[in-house]
PDB file of N, CA and C in Angstrom:
ATOM      1  N   MET A   1      -4.832 -15.447  19.418  1.00  0.00           N
ATOM      2  CA  MET A   1      -3.888 -14.404  19.089  1.00  0.00           C
ATOM      3  C   MET A   1      -4.688 -13.175  18.689  1.00  0.00           C
ATOM      4  N   ILE A   2      -4.324 -12.018  19.227  1.00  0.00           N
ATOM      5  CA  ILE A   2      -4.976 -10.751  18.904  1.00  0.00           C
ATOM      6  C   ILE A   2      -3.986  -9.839  18.193  1.00  0.00           C
ATOM      7  N   ARG A   3      -4.444  -9.220  17.135  1.00  0.00           N
ATOM      8  CA  ARG A   3      -3.650  -8.241  16.383  1.00  0.00           C
ATOM      9  C   ARG A   3      -4.443  -6.938  16.403  1.00  0.00           C
ATOM     10  N   GLY A   4      -3.901  -5.920  17.030  1.00  0.00           N
ATOM     11  CA  GLY A   4      -4.595  -4.641  17.121  1.00  0.00           C
ATOM     12  C   GLY A   4      -4.902  -4.292  18.567  1.00  0.00           C
ATOM     13  N   ASP A   5      -5.973  -3.537  18.764  1.00  0.00           N
ATOM     14  CA  ASP A   5      -6.328  -3.032  20.093  1.00  0.00           C
ATOM     15  C   ASP A   5      -7.751  -3.449  20.440  1.00  0.00           C
ATOM     16  N   ALA A   6      -7.879  -4.512  21.220  1.00  0.00           N
ATOM     17  CA  ALA A   6      -9.201  -5.005  21.607  1.00  0.00           C
ATOM     18  C   ALA A   6      -9.948  -3.973  22.446  1.00  0.00           C
ATOM     19  N   GLY A   7      -9.228  -3.207  23.256  1.00  0.00           N
ATOM     20  CA  GLY A   7      -9.848  -2.178  24.078  1.00  0.00           C
ATOM     21  C   GLY A   7     -10.530  -1.098  23.263  1.00  0.00           C
ATOM     22  N   LYS A   8      -9.963  -0.796  22.105  1.00  0.00           N
ATOM     23  CA  LYS A   8     -10.558   0.203  21.199  1.00  0.00           C
ATOM     24  C   LYS A   8     -11.525  -0.443  20.209  1.00  0.00           C
ATOM     25  N   ARG A   9     -11.684  -1.749  20.332  1.00  0.00           N
ATOM     26  CA  ARG A   9     -12.549  -2.521  19.432  1.00  0.00           C
ATOM     27  C   ARG A   9     -12.121  -2.380  17.979  1.00  0.00           C
ATOM     28  N   GLU A  10     -10.806  -2.435  17.779  1.00  0.00           N
ATOM     29  CA  GLU A  10     -10.204  -2.428  16.443  1.00  0.00           C
ATOM     30  C   GLU A  10      -9.116  -3.496  16.432  1.00  0.00           C
ATOM     31  N   PHE A  11      -9.510  -4.707  16.069  1.00  0.00           N
ATOM     32  CA  PHE A  11      -8.550  -5.813  16.139  1.00  0.00           C
ATOM     33  C   PHE A  11      -8.952  -6.944  15.212  1.00  0.00           C
ATOM     34  N   ILE A  12      -8.003  -7.858  15.037  1.00  0.00           N
ATOM     35  CA  ILE A  12      -8.260  -9.115  14.351  1.00  0.00           C
ATOM     36  C   ILE A  12      -7.909 -10.213  15.348  1.00  0.00           C
ATOM     37  N   ALA A  13      -8.803 -11.175  15.499  1.00  0.00           N
ATOM     38  CA  ALA A  13      -8.546 -12.330  16.362  1.00  0.00           C
ATOM     39  C   ALA A  13      -8.236 -13.525  15.461  1.00  0.00           C
ATOM     40  N   PHE A  14      -7.218 -14.277  15.838  1.00  0.00           N
ATOM     41  CA  PHE A  14      -6.833 -15.472  15.088  1.00  0.00           C
ATOM     42  C   PHE A  14      -6.878 -16.674  16.013  1.00  0.00           C
ATOM     43  N   TRP A  15      -7.380 -17.772  15.501  1.00  0.00           N
ATOM     44  CA  TRP A  15      -7.343 -19.037  16.216  1.00  0.00           C
ATOM     45  C   TRP A  15      -6.272 -19.873  15.526  1.00  0.00           C
ATOM     46  N   MET A  16      -5.342 -20.382  16.318  1.00  0.00           N
ATOM     47  CA  MET A  16      -4.155 -21.056  15.798  1.00  0.00           C
ATOM     48  C   MET A  16      -4.072 -22.495  16.302  1.00  0.00           C
ATOM     49  N   LYS A  17      -3.401 -23.333  15.515  1.00  0.00           N
ATOM     50  CA  LYS A  17      -3.040 -24.682  15.943  1.00  0.00           C
ATOM     51  C   LYS A  17      -1.762 -25.060  15.222  1.00  0.00           C
ATOM     52  N   GLU A  18      -0.772 -25.449  15.995  1.00  0.00           N
ATOM     53  CA  GLU A  18       0.518 -25.891  15.452  1.00  0.00           C
ATOM     54  C   GLU A  18       1.107 -24.864  14.478  1.00  0.00           C
ATOM     55  N   GLY A  19       0.965 -23.569  14.825  1.00  0.00           N
ATOM     56  CA  GLY A  19       1.560 -22.504  14.032  1.00  0.00           C
ATOM     57  C   GLY A  19       0.783 -22.120  12.789  1.00  0.00           C
ATOM     58  N   ARG A  20      -0.391 -22.693  12.608  1.00  0.00           N
ATOM     59  CA  ARG A  20      -1.210 -22.398  11.437  1.00  0.00           C
ATOM     60  C   ARG A  20      -2.488 -21.673  11.855  1.00  0.00           C
ATOM     61  N   VAL A  21      -2.963 -20.781  10.991  1.00  0.00           N
ATOM     62  CA  VAL A  21      -4.202 -20.043  11.259  1.00  0.00           C
ATOM     63  C   VAL A  21      -5.378 -20.934  10.871  1.00  0.00           C
ATOM     64  N   LEU A  22      -6.240 -21.233  11.840  1.00  0.00           N
ATOM     65  CA  LEU A  22      -7.439 -22.031  11.578  1.00  0.00           C
ATOM     66  C   LEU A  22      -8.656 -21.160  11.282  1.00  0.00           C
ATOM     67  N   ALA A  23      -8.695 -19.970  11.912  1.00  0.00           N
ATOM     68  CA  ALA A  23      -9.829 -19.066  11.741  1.00  0.00           C
ATOM     69  C   ALA A  23      -9.396 -17.654  12.090  1.00  0.00           C
ATOM     70  N   GLY A  24     -10.137 -16.696  11.594  1.00  0.00           N
ATOM     71  CA  GLY A  24      -9.852 -15.302  11.905  1.00  0.00           C
ATOM     72  C   GLY A  24     -11.140 -14.491  11.909  1.00  0.00           C
ATOM     73  N   MET A  25     -11.151 -13.447  12.713  1.00  0.00           N
ATOM     74  CA  MET A  25     -12.318 -12.575  12.811  1.00  0.00           C
ATOM     75  C   MET A  25     -11.834 -11.139  12.916  1.00  0.00           C
ATOM     76  N   ASN A  26     -12.357 -10.266  12.053  1.00  0.00           N
ATOM     77  CA  ASN A  26     -11.959  -8.861  12.120  1.00  0.00           C
ATOM     78  C   ASN A  26     -13.065  -8.039  12.775  1.00  0.00           C
ATOM     79  N   VAL A  27     -12.655  -7.104  13.615  1.00  0.00           N
ATOM     80  CA  VAL A  27     -13.569  -6.193  14.300  1.00  0.00           C
ATOM     81  C   VAL A  27     -13.098  -4.774  14.007  1.00  0.00           C
ATOM     82  N   ASN A  28     -13.856  -4.072  13.183  1.00  0.00           N
ATOM     83  CA  ASN A  28     -13.555  -2.682  12.809  1.00  0.00           C
ATOM     84  C   ASN A  28     -12.177  -2.496  12.190  1.00  0.00           C
ATOM     85  N   VAL A  29     -11.674  -3.527  11.534  1.00  0.00           N
ATOM     86  CA  VAL A  29     -10.446  -3.450  10.738  1.00  0.00           C
ATOM     87  C   VAL A  29     -10.881  -3.846   9.328  1.00  0.00           C
ATOM     88  N   TRP A  30     -10.727  -2.924   8.403  1.00  0.00           N
ATOM     89  CA  TRP A  30     -11.305  -3.117   7.086  1.00  0.00           C
ATOM     90  C   TRP A  30     -10.306  -3.658   6.071  1.00  0.00           C
ATOM     91  N   ASP A  31     -10.832  -4.260   5.018  1.00  0.00           N
ATOM     92  CA  ASP A  31     -10.038  -4.765   3.894  1.00  0.00           C
ATOM     93  C   ASP A  31      -9.043  -5.853   4.299  1.00  0.00           C
ATOM     94  N   VAL A  32      -9.433  -6.702   5.236  1.00  0.00           N
ATOM     95  CA  VAL A  32      -8.546  -7.795   5.645  1.00  0.00           C
ATOM     96  C   VAL A  32      -9.189  -9.167   5.455  1.00  0.00           C
ATOM     97  N   THR A  33     -10.427  -9.218   4.989  1.00  0.00           N
ATOM     98  CA  THR A  33     -11.110 -10.504   4.847  1.00  0.00           C
ATOM     99  C   THR A  33     -10.360 -11.438   3.900  1.00  0.00           C
ATOM    100  N   GLU A  34      -9.969 -10.932   2.741  1.00  0.00           N
ATOM    101  CA  GLU A  34      -9.264 -11.782   1.775  1.00  0.00           C
ATOM    102  C   GLU A  34      -7.911 -12.266   2.306  1.00  0.00           C
ATOM    103  N   PRO A  35      -7.067 -11.395   2.886  1.00  0.00           N
ATOM    104  CA  PRO A  35      -5.799 -11.898   3.431  1.00  0.00           C
ATOM    105  C   PRO A  35      -5.995 -12.914   4.563  1.00  0.00           C
ATOM    106  N   ILE A  36      -7.025 -12.733   5.377  1.00  0.00           N
ATOM    107  CA  ILE A  36      -7.300 -13.709   6.441  1.00  0.00           C
ATOM    108  C   ILE A  36      -7.671 -15.053   5.813  1.00  0.00           C
ATOM    109  N   GLN A  37      -8.539 -15.034   4.810  1.00  0.00           N
ATOM    110  CA  GLN A  37      -8.922 -16.270   4.129  1.00  0.00           C
ATOM    111  C   GLN A  37      -7.717 -16.947   3.484  1.00  0.00           C
ATOM    112  N   GLN A  38      -6.822 -16.160   2.905  1.00  0.00           N
ATOM    113  CA  GLN A  38      -5.624 -16.727   2.281  1.00  0.00           C
ATOM    114  C   GLN A  38      -4.734 -17.405   3.311  1.00  0.00           C
ATOM    115  N   LEU A  39      -4.612 -16.794   4.495  1.00  0.00           N
ATOM    116  CA  LEU A  39      -3.808 -17.417   5.555  1.00  0.00           C
ATOM    117  C   LEU A  39      -4.399 -18.761   5.964  1.00  0.00           C
ATOM    118  N   ILE A  40      -5.703 -18.811   6.089  1.00  0.00           N
ATOM    119  CA  ILE A  40      -6.371 -20.058   6.484  1.00  0.00           C
ATOM    120  C   ILE A  40      -6.189 -21.118   5.402  1.00  0.00           C
ATOM    121  N   ARG A  41      -6.466 -20.748   4.176  1.00  0.00           N
ATOM    122  CA  ARG A  41      -6.405 -21.705   3.065  1.00  0.00           C
ATOM    123  C   ARG A  41      -4.992 -22.179   2.756  1.00  0.00           C
ATOM    124  N   SER A  42      -4.010 -21.327   2.988  1.00  0.00           N
ATOM    125  CA  SER A  42      -2.627 -21.696   2.667  1.00  0.00           C
ATOM    126  C   SER A  42      -2.083 -22.768   3.594  1.00  0.00           C
ATOM    127  N   ARG A  43      -2.647 -22.860   4.797  1.00  0.00           N
ATOM    128  CA  ARG A  43      -2.174 -23.803   5.825  1.00  0.00           C
ATOM    129  C   ARG A  43      -0.689 -23.594   6.136  1.00  0.00           C
ATOM    130  N   ALA A  44      -0.185 -22.407   5.812  1.00  0.00           N
ATOM    131  CA  ALA A  44       1.226 -22.091   6.058  1.00  0.00           C
ATOM    132  C   ALA A  44       1.472 -21.885   7.546  1.00  0.00           C
ATOM    133  N   ARG A  45       2.634 -22.310   8.002  1.00  0.00           N
ATOM    134  CA  ARG A  45       3.050 -21.977   9.365  1.00  0.00           C
ATOM    135  C   ARG A  45       3.385 -20.494   9.385  1.00  0.00           C
ATOM    136  N   VAL A  46       2.925 -19.814  10.420  1.00  0.00           N
ATOM    137  CA  VAL A  46       3.037 -18.359  10.498  1.00  0.00           C
ATOM    138  C   VAL A  46       3.831 -17.968  11.739  1.00  0.00           C
ATOM    139  N   ASP A  47       4.719 -17.021  11.593  1.00  0.00           N
ATOM    140  CA  ASP A  47       5.450 -16.450  12.719  1.00  0.00           C
ATOM    141  C   ASP A  47       4.434 -15.680  13.566  1.00  0.00           C
ATOM    142  N   THR A  48       4.187 -16.126  14.792  1.00  0.00           N
ATOM    143  CA  THR A  48       3.139 -15.513  15.612  1.00  0.00           C
ATOM    144  C   THR A  48       3.462 -14.071  15.996  1.00  0.00           C
ATOM    145  N   GLU A  49       4.732 -13.746  16.144  1.00  0.00           N
ATOM    146  CA  GLU A  49       5.093 -12.342  16.433  1.00  0.00           C
ATOM    147  C   GLU A  49       4.746 -11.447  15.256  1.00  0.00           C
ATOM    148  N   ALA A  50       5.030 -11.915  14.043  1.00  0.00           N
ATOM    149  CA  ALA A  50       4.689 -11.145  12.846  1.00  0.00           C
ATOM    150  C   ALA A  50       3.173 -11.053  12.683  1.00  0.00           C
ATOM    151  N   LEU A  51       2.466 -12.127  12.991  1.00  0.00           N
ATOM    152  CA  LEU A  51       1.010 -12.125  12.883  1.00  0.00           C
ATOM    153  C   LEU A  51       0.389 -11.116  13.846  1.00  0.00           C
ATOM    154  N   ALA A  52       0.953 -10.965  15.020  1.00  0.00           N
ATOM    155  CA  ALA A  52       0.434 -10.023  16.013  1.00  0.00           C
ATOM    156  C   ALA A  52       0.805  -8.573  15.710  1.00  0.00           C
ATOM    157  N   ASP A  53       1.795  -8.368  14.861  1.00  0.00           N
ATOM    158  CA  ASP A  53       2.297  -7.021  14.570  1.00  0.00           C
ATOM    159  C   ASP A  53       1.469  -6.363  13.463  1.00  0.00           C
ATOM    160  N   PRO A  54       0.703  -5.308  13.781  1.00  0.00           N
ATOM    161  CA  PRO A  54      -0.129  -4.670  12.766  1.00  0.00           C
ATOM    162  C   PRO A  54       0.660  -3.975  11.653  1.00  0.00           C
ATOM    163  N   HIS A  55       1.969  -3.837  11.824  1.00  0.00           N
ATOM    164  CA  HIS A  55       2.804  -3.215  10.786  1.00  0.00           C
ATOM    165  C   HIS A  55       3.256  -4.220   9.724  1.00  0.00           C
ATOM    166  N   VAL A  56       3.070  -5.509   9.988  1.00  0.00           N
ATOM    167  CA  VAL A  56       3.438  -6.555   9.022  1.00  0.00           C
ATOM    168  C   VAL A  56       2.201  -6.866   8.186  1.00  0.00           C
ATOM    169  N   PRO A  57       2.262  -6.688   6.871  1.00  0.00           N
ATOM    170  CA  PRO A  57       1.103  -6.983   6.031  1.00  0.00           C
ATOM    171  C   PRO A  57       0.689  -8.449   6.132  1.00  0.00           C
ATOM    172  N   LEU A  58      -0.606  -8.675   6.306  1.00  0.00           N
ATOM    173  CA  LEU A  58      -1.106 -10.052   6.418  1.00  0.00           C
ATOM    174  C   LEU A  58      -0.790 -10.878   5.180  1.00  0.00           C
ATOM    175  N   ASP A  59      -0.892 -10.261   3.994  1.00  0.00           N
ATOM    176  CA  ASP A  59      -0.658 -11.036   2.771  1.00  0.00           C
ATOM    177  C   ASP A  59       0.792 -11.475   2.618  1.00  0.00           C
ATOM    178  N   SER A  60       1.715 -10.853   3.337  1.00  0.00           N
ATOM    179  CA  SER A  60       3.106 -11.303   3.280  1.00  0.00           C
ATOM    180  C   SER A  60       3.311 -12.568   4.111  1.00  0.00           C
ATOM    181  N   LEU A  61       2.439 -12.833   5.074  1.00  0.00           N
ATOM    182  CA  LEU A  61       2.574 -14.002   5.942  1.00  0.00           C
ATOM    183  C   LEU A  61       2.111 -15.272   5.252  1.00  0.00           C
ATOM    184  N   GLY A  62       1.054 -15.189   4.469  1.00  0.00           N
ATOM    185  CA  GLY A  62       0.532 -16.357   3.768  1.00  0.00           C
ATOM    186  C   GLY A  62       1.410 -16.814   2.637  1.00  0.00           C
ATOM    187  N   ALA A  63       2.361 -15.971   2.233  1.00  0.00           N
ATOM    188  CA  ALA A  63       3.238 -16.308   1.123  1.00  0.00           C
ATOM    189  C   ALA A  63       4.339 -17.282   1.533  1.00  0.00           C
ATOM    190  N   LYS A  64       4.472 -17.507   2.840  1.00  0.00           N
ATOM    191  CA  LYS A  64       5.543 -18.387   3.308  1.00  0.00           C
ATOM    192  C   LYS A  64       5.199 -19.840   3.027  1.00  0.00           C
ATOM    193  N   SER A  65       6.209 -20.642   3.005  1.00  0.00           N
ATOM    194  CA  SER A  65       6.053 -22.074   2.751  1.00  0.00           C
ATOM    195  C   SER A  65       5.302 -22.740   3.881  1.00  0.00           C
ATOM    196  N   SER A  66       4.559 -23.794   3.569  1.00  0.00           N
ATOM    197  CA  SER A  66       3.805 -24.514   4.595  1.00  0.00           C
ATOM    198  C   SER A  66       4.578 -25.662   5.194  1.00  0.00           C
ATOM    199  N   SER A  67       5.873 -25.747   4.970  1.00  0.00           N
ATOM    200  CA  SER A  67       6.677 -26.848   5.514  1.00  0.00           C
ATOM    201  C   SER A  67       6.983 -26.662   6.971  1.00  0.00           C
TER     202      SER A  67
END
């Protein structure tokens, strides 16, 4: 899953399994390391459309229940 613009080299890449974020990598997108780590550690199921949308704050996604 890509969030941002890979062509402009400003994006976050997410590796997913069963709706959960397993890993993330930011490229020229700043101040997102902690929210990415929280998503991984929370093991919460994430709405992939919201995850891909750069207008949705990452920290709001990890707050969801992991059920």
